[in-house]
Amino acid sequence: MDFKSDTKKFKMYADNTYKCKCGHSITIPNFINKKICTWCGNYVYKNKKEEFRDKLKNVMEG
């Protein structure tokens, strides 16, 4: 690997990293909207819109 490909890979990881409420950083791929934090067990969402949709769906079902 060369410097250019390494830089590209690290930028991709940095762009897809999100913070949990507990402070843990989690990498979420583009094709997934939420992921469970490995430290505290809470869901980590990509954005507030996805979080709202998921919580609204859960309320409507139950």
PDB file of N, CA and C in Angstrom:
ATOM      1  N   MET A   1       0.838  -1.183   0.000  1.00  0.00           N
ATOM      2  CA  MET A   1       0.000   0.000   0.000  1.00  0.00           C
ATOM      3  C   MET A   1       0.882   1.244   0.000  1.00  0.00           C
ATOM      4  N   ASP A   2       0.352   2.262  -0.585  1.00  0.00           N
ATOM      5  CA  ASP A   2       1.082   3.508  -0.614  1.00  0.00           C
ATOM      6  C   ASP A   2       0.352   4.560   0.223  1.00  0.00           C
ATOM      7  N   PHE A   3       0.965   5.692   0.337  1.00  0.00           N
ATOM      8  CA  PHE A   3       0.445   6.761   1.190  1.00  0.00           C
ATOM      9  C   PHE A   3      -0.919   7.246   0.718  1.00  0.00           C
ATOM     10  N   LYS A   4      -1.116   7.342  -0.581  1.00  0.00           N
ATOM     11  CA  LYS A   4      -2.371   7.864  -1.120  1.00  0.00           C
ATOM     12  C   LYS A   4      -3.549   6.945  -0.795  1.00  0.00           C
ATOM     13  N   SER A   5      -3.374   5.647  -0.957  1.00  0.00           N
ATOM     14  CA  SER A   5      -4.464   4.718  -0.659  1.00  0.00           C
ATOM     15  C   SER A   5      -4.731   4.638   0.847  1.00  0.00           C
ATOM     16  N   ASP A   6      -3.688   4.729   1.659  1.00  0.00           N
ATOM     17  CA  ASP A   6      -3.867   4.742   3.111  1.00  0.00           C
ATOM     18  C   ASP A   6      -4.643   5.978   3.546  1.00  0.00           C
ATOM     19  N   THR A   7      -4.303   7.114   2.990  1.00  0.00           N
ATOM     20  CA  THR A   7      -4.988   8.359   3.320  1.00  0.00           C
ATOM     21  C   THR A   7      -6.455   8.283   2.935  1.00  0.00           C
ATOM     22  N   LYS A   8      -6.735   7.711   1.785  1.00  0.00           N
ATOM     23  CA  LYS A   8      -8.113   7.557   1.319  1.00  0.00           C
ATOM     24  C   LYS A   8      -8.912   6.655   2.260  1.00  0.00           C
ATOM     25  N   LYS A   9      -8.294   5.557   2.696  1.00  0.00           N
ATOM     26  CA  LYS A   9      -8.960   4.623   3.606  1.00  0.00           C
ATOM     27  C   LYS A   9      -9.234   5.272   4.967  1.00  0.00           C
ATOM     28  N   PHE A  10      -8.259   5.983   5.506  1.00  0.00           N
ATOM     29  CA  PHE A  10      -8.438   6.628   6.808  1.00  0.00           C
ATOM     30  C   PHE A  10      -9.476   7.736   6.747  1.00  0.00           C
ATOM     31  N   LYS A  11      -9.558   8.448   5.627  1.00  0.00           N
ATOM     32  CA  LYS A  11     -10.582   9.473   5.464  1.00  0.00           C
ATOM     33  C   LYS A  11     -11.966   8.842   5.436  1.00  0.00           C
ATOM     34  N   MET A  12     -12.102   7.689   4.769  1.00  0.00           N
ATOM     35  CA  MET A  12     -13.378   6.977   4.725  1.00  0.00           C
ATOM     36  C   MET A  12     -13.808   6.573   6.136  1.00  0.00           C
ATOM     37  N   TYR A  13     -12.888   6.025   6.921  1.00  0.00           N
ATOM     38  CA  TYR A  13     -13.208   5.656   8.299  1.00  0.00           C
ATOM     39  C   TYR A  13     -13.598   6.879   9.133  1.00  0.00           C
ATOM     40  N   ALA A  14     -12.901   7.976   8.958  1.00  0.00           N
ATOM     41  CA  ALA A  14     -13.202   9.186   9.726  1.00  0.00           C
ATOM     42  C   ALA A  14     -14.563   9.756   9.354  1.00  0.00           C
ATOM     43  N   ASP A  15     -14.934   9.680   8.083  1.00  0.00           N
ATOM     44  CA  ASP A  15     -16.225  10.203   7.636  1.00  0.00           C
ATOM     45  C   ASP A  15     -17.389   9.338   8.103  1.00  0.00           C
ATOM     46  N   ASN A  16     -17.163   8.071   8.383  1.00  0.00           N
ATOM     47  CA  ASN A  16     -18.225   7.150   8.785  1.00  0.00           C
ATOM     48  C   ASN A  16     -18.156   6.772  10.256  1.00  0.00           C
ATOM     49  N   THR A  17     -17.504   7.592  11.072  1.00  0.00           N
ATOM     50  CA  THR A  17     -17.399   7.344  12.501  1.00  0.00           C
ATOM     51  C   THR A  17     -18.370   8.247  13.248  1.00  0.00           C
ATOM     52  N   TYR A  18     -19.124   7.665  14.161  1.00  0.00           N
ATOM     53  CA  TYR A  18     -20.130   8.391  14.933  1.00  0.00           C
ATOM     54  C   TYR A  18     -19.898   8.138  16.411  1.00  0.00           C
ATOM     55  N   LYS A  19     -20.295   9.089  17.258  1.00  0.00           N
ATOM     56  CA  LYS A  19     -20.101   8.991  18.704  1.00  0.00           C
ATOM     57  C   LYS A  19     -21.369   8.500  19.381  1.00  0.00           C
ATOM     58  N   CYS A  20     -21.197   7.613  20.319  1.00  0.00           N
ATOM     59  CA  CYS A  20     -22.284   7.137  21.162  1.00  0.00           C
ATOM     60  C   CYS A  20     -22.454   8.107  22.335  1.00  0.00           C
ATOM     61  N   LYS A  21     -23.546   7.938  23.076  1.00  0.00           N
ATOM     62  CA  LYS A  21     -23.780   8.764  24.265  1.00  0.00           C
ATOM     63  C   LYS A  21     -22.709   8.534  25.329  1.00  0.00           C
ATOM     64  N   CYS A  22     -22.141   7.324  25.348  1.00  0.00           N
ATOM     65  CA  CYS A  22     -21.128   6.988  26.349  1.00  0.00           C
ATOM     66  C   CYS A  22     -19.738   7.511  25.950  1.00  0.00           C
ATOM     67  N   GLY A  23     -19.587   7.995  24.711  1.00  0.00           N
ATOM     68  CA  GLY A  23     -18.314   8.546  24.263  1.00  0.00           C
ATOM     69  C   GLY A  23     -17.532   7.635  23.341  1.00  0.00           C
ATOM     70  N   HIS A  24     -17.998   6.420  23.140  1.00  0.00           N
ATOM     71  CA  HIS A  24     -17.313   5.462  22.276  1.00  0.00           C
ATOM     72  C   HIS A  24     -17.547   5.819  20.806  1.00  0.00           C
ATOM     73  N   SER A  25     -16.516   5.754  20.000  1.00  0.00           N
ATOM     74  CA  SER A  25     -16.632   6.013  18.567  1.00  0.00           C
ATOM     75  C   SER A  25     -16.910   4.711  17.834  1.00  0.00           C
ATOM     76  N   ILE A  26     -17.914   4.747  16.944  1.00  0.00           N
ATOM     77  CA  ILE A  26     -18.327   3.554  16.213  1.00  0.00           C
ATOM     78  C   ILE A  26     -18.329   3.867  14.724  1.00  0.00           C
ATOM     79  N   THR A  27     -17.773   2.965  13.925  1.00  0.00           N
ATOM     80  CA  THR A  27     -17.786   3.100  12.480  1.00  0.00           C
ATOM     81  C   THR A  27     -19.031   2.412  11.938  1.00  0.00           C
ATOM     82  N   ILE A  28     -19.875   3.180  11.215  1.00  0.00           N
ATOM     83  CA  ILE A  28     -21.094   2.645  10.634  1.00  0.00           C
ATOM     84  C   ILE A  28     -20.983   2.751   9.120  1.00  0.00           C
ATOM     85  N   PRO A  29     -21.075   1.629   8.398  1.00  0.00           N
ATOM     86  CA  PRO A  29     -20.989   1.670   6.933  1.00  0.00           C
ATOM     87  C   PRO A  29     -22.161   2.431   6.317  1.00  0.00           C
ATOM     88  N   ASN A  30     -22.047   2.780   5.054  1.00  0.00           N
ATOM     89  CA  ASN A  30     -23.081   3.565   4.380  1.00  0.00           C
ATOM     90  C   ASN A  30     -24.405   2.834   4.248  1.00  0.00           C
ATOM     91  N   PHE A  31     -24.403   1.511   4.173  1.00  0.00           N
ATOM     92  CA  PHE A  31     -25.631   0.768   3.931  1.00  0.00           C
ATOM     93  C   PHE A  31     -26.388   0.416   5.210  1.00  0.00           C
ATOM     94  N   ILE A  32     -25.894   0.835   6.383  1.00  0.00           N
ATOM     95  CA  ILE A  32     -26.550   0.585   7.666  1.00  0.00           C
ATOM     96  C   ILE A  32     -26.902   1.931   8.294  1.00  0.00           C
ATOM     97  N   ASN A  33     -28.108   2.042   8.892  1.00  0.00           N
ATOM     98  CA  ASN A  33     -28.537   3.297   9.495  1.00  0.00           C
ATOM     99  C   ASN A  33     -28.260   3.383  10.986  1.00  0.00           C
ATOM    100  N   LYS A  34     -28.130   2.232  11.648  1.00  0.00           N
ATOM    101  CA  LYS A  34     -27.867   2.226  13.091  1.00  0.00           C
ATOM    102  C   LYS A  34     -27.032   1.016  13.444  1.00  0.00           C
ATOM    103  N   LYS A  35     -26.377   1.109  14.589  1.00  0.00           N
ATOM    104  CA  LYS A  35     -25.536   0.021  15.055  1.00  0.00           C
ATOM    105  C   LYS A  35     -25.536   0.046  16.579  1.00  0.00           C
ATOM    106  N   ILE A  36     -25.350  -1.101  17.196  1.00  0.00           N
ATOM    107  CA  ILE A  36     -25.329  -1.186  18.651  1.00  0.00           C
ATOM    108  C   ILE A  36     -23.916  -0.903  19.158  1.00  0.00           C
ATOM    109  N   CYS A  37     -23.826  -0.051  20.175  1.00  0.00           N
ATOM    110  CA  CYS A  37     -22.538   0.279  20.787  1.00  0.00           C
ATOM    111  C   CYS A  37     -22.013  -0.946  21.529  1.00  0.00           C
ATOM    112  N   THR A  38     -20.755  -1.258  21.325  1.00  0.00           N
ATOM    113  CA  THR A  38     -20.172  -2.438  21.969  1.00  0.00           C
ATOM    114  C   THR A  38     -19.831  -2.185  23.433  1.00  0.00           C
ATOM    115  N   TRP A  39     -19.797  -0.925  23.848  1.00  0.00           N
ATOM    116  CA  TRP A  39     -19.487  -0.616  25.245  1.00  0.00           C
ATOM    117  C   TRP A  39     -20.728  -0.594  26.122  1.00  0.00           C
ATOM    118  N   CYS A  40     -21.772   0.146  25.689  1.00  0.00           N
ATOM    119  CA  CYS A  40     -22.931   0.332  26.561  1.00  0.00           C
ATOM    120  C   CYS A  40     -24.187  -0.381  26.076  1.00  0.00           C
ATOM    121  N   GLY A  41     -24.241  -0.812  24.817  1.00  0.00           N
ATOM    122  CA  GLY A  41     -25.401  -1.542  24.312  1.00  0.00           C
ATOM    123  C   GLY A  41     -26.500  -0.667  23.738  1.00  0.00           C
ATOM    124  N   ASN A  42     -26.326   0.647  23.696  1.00  0.00           N
ATOM    125  CA  ASN A  42     -27.317   1.543  23.106  1.00  0.00           C
ATOM    126  C   ASN A  42     -27.151   1.585  21.594  1.00  0.00           C
ATOM    127  N   TYR A  43     -28.230   1.960  20.901  1.00  0.00           N
ATOM    128  CA  TYR A  43     -28.143   2.150  19.462  1.00  0.00           C
ATOM    129  C   TYR A  43     -27.447   3.471  19.154  1.00  0.00           C
ATOM    130  N   VAL A  44     -26.632   3.468  18.114  1.00  0.00           N
ATOM    131  CA  VAL A  44     -25.992   4.678  17.607  1.00  0.00           C
ATOM    132  C   VAL A  44     -26.529   4.878  16.205  1.00  0.00           C
ATOM    133  N   TYR A  45     -27.152   6.035  15.969  1.00  0.00           N
ATOM    134  CA  TYR A  45     -27.757   6.342  14.676  1.00  0.00           C
ATOM    135  C   TYR A  45     -26.850   7.259  13.878  1.00  0.00           C
ATOM    136  N   LYS A  46     -27.000   7.211  12.553  1.00  0.00           N
ATOM    137  CA  LYS A  46     -26.200   8.074  11.683  1.00  0.00           C
ATOM    138  C   LYS A  46     -26.609   9.528  11.817  1.00  0.00           C
ATOM    139  N   ASN A  47     -27.925   9.775  11.947  1.00  0.00           N
ATOM    140  CA  ASN A  47     -28.406  11.145  12.090  1.00  0.00           C
ATOM    141  C   ASN A  47     -29.727  11.139  12.857  1.00  0.00           C
ATOM    142  N   LYS A  48     -30.197  12.300  13.195  1.00  0.00           N
ATOM    143  CA  LYS A  48     -31.425  12.434  13.992  1.00  0.00           C
ATOM    144  C   LYS A  48     -32.656  11.975  13.220  1.00  0.00           C
ATOM    145  N   LYS A  49     -32.642  12.126  11.906  1.00  0.00           N
ATOM    146  CA  LYS A  49     -33.783  11.716  11.092  1.00  0.00           C
ATOM    147  C   LYS A  49     -33.980  10.204  11.159  1.00  0.00           C
ATOM    148  N   GLU A  50     -32.909   9.440  11.052  1.00  0.00           N
ATOM    149  CA  GLU A  50     -32.998   7.983  11.144  1.00  0.00           C
ATOM    150  C   GLU A  50     -33.420   7.551  12.545  1.00  0.00           C
ATOM    151  N   GLU A  51     -32.932   8.242  13.552  1.00  0.00           N
ATOM    152  CA  GLU A  51     -33.322   7.931  14.930  1.00  0.00           C
ATOM    153  C   GLU A  51     -34.812   8.166  15.130  1.00  0.00           C
ATOM    154  N   PHE A  52     -35.324   9.279  14.600  1.00  0.00           N
ATOM    155  CA  PHE A  52     -36.740   9.597  14.708  1.00  0.00           C
ATOM    156  C   PHE A  52     -37.594   8.550  13.994  1.00  0.00           C
ATOM    157  N   ARG A  53     -37.196   8.165  12.777  1.00  0.00           N
ATOM    158  CA  ARG A  53     -37.940   7.166  12.018  1.00  0.00           C
ATOM    159  C   ARG A  53     -38.015   5.833  12.770  1.00  0.00           C
ATOM    160  N   ASP A  54     -36.911   5.396  13.334  1.00  0.00           N
ATOM    161  CA  ASP A  54     -36.863   4.124  14.049  1.00  0.00           C
ATOM    162  C   ASP A  54     -37.736   4.172  15.291  1.00  0.00           C
ATOM    163  N   LYS A  55     -37.655   5.232  16.059  1.00  0.00           N
ATOM    164  CA  LYS A  55     -38.445   5.336  17.289  1.00  0.00           C
ATOM    165  C   LYS A  55     -39.931   5.479  16.974  1.00  0.00           C
ATOM    166  N   LEU A  56     -40.281   6.203  15.910  1.00  0.00           N
ATOM    167  CA  LEU A  56     -41.674   6.333  15.510  1.00  0.00           C
ATOM    168  C   LEU A  56     -42.235   4.991  15.048  1.00  0.00           C
ATOM    169  N   LYS A  57     -41.440   4.229  14.302  1.00  0.00           N
ATOM    170  CA  LYS A  57     -41.864   2.906  13.849  1.00  0.00           C
ATOM    171  C   LYS A  57     -42.121   1.985  15.041  1.00  0.00           C
ATOM    172  N   ASN A  58     -41.253   2.052  16.054  1.00  0.00           N
ATOM    173  CA  ASN A  58     -41.436   1.225  17.253  1.00  0.00           C
ATOM    174  C   ASN A  58     -42.695   1.599  18.027  1.00  0.00           C
ATOM    175  N   VAL A  59     -43.017   2.891  18.081  1.00  0.00           N
ATOM    176  CA  VAL A  59     -44.213   3.338  18.776  1.00  0.00           C
ATOM    177  C   VAL A  59     -45.459   2.913  18.019  1.00  0.00           C
ATOM    178  N   MET A  60     -45.416   3.019  16.695  1.00  0.00           N
ATOM    179  CA  MET A  60     -46.576   2.654  15.873  1.00  0.00           C
ATOM    180  C   MET A  60     -46.846   1.141  15.935  1.00  0.00           C
ATOM    181  N   GLU A  61     -45.813   0.335  16.027  1.00  0.00           N
ATOM    182  CA  GLU A  61     -45.985  -1.118  16.092  1.00  0.00           C
ATOM    183  C   GLU A  61     -46.508  -1.574  17.451  1.00  0.00           C
ATOM    184  N   GLY A  62     -46.035  -0.942  18.495  1.00  0.00           N
ATOM    185  CA  GLY A  62     -46.366  -1.404  19.843  1.00  0.00           C
ATOM    186  C   GLY A  62     -47.399  -0.627  20.477  1.00  0.00           C
TER     187      GLY A  62
END
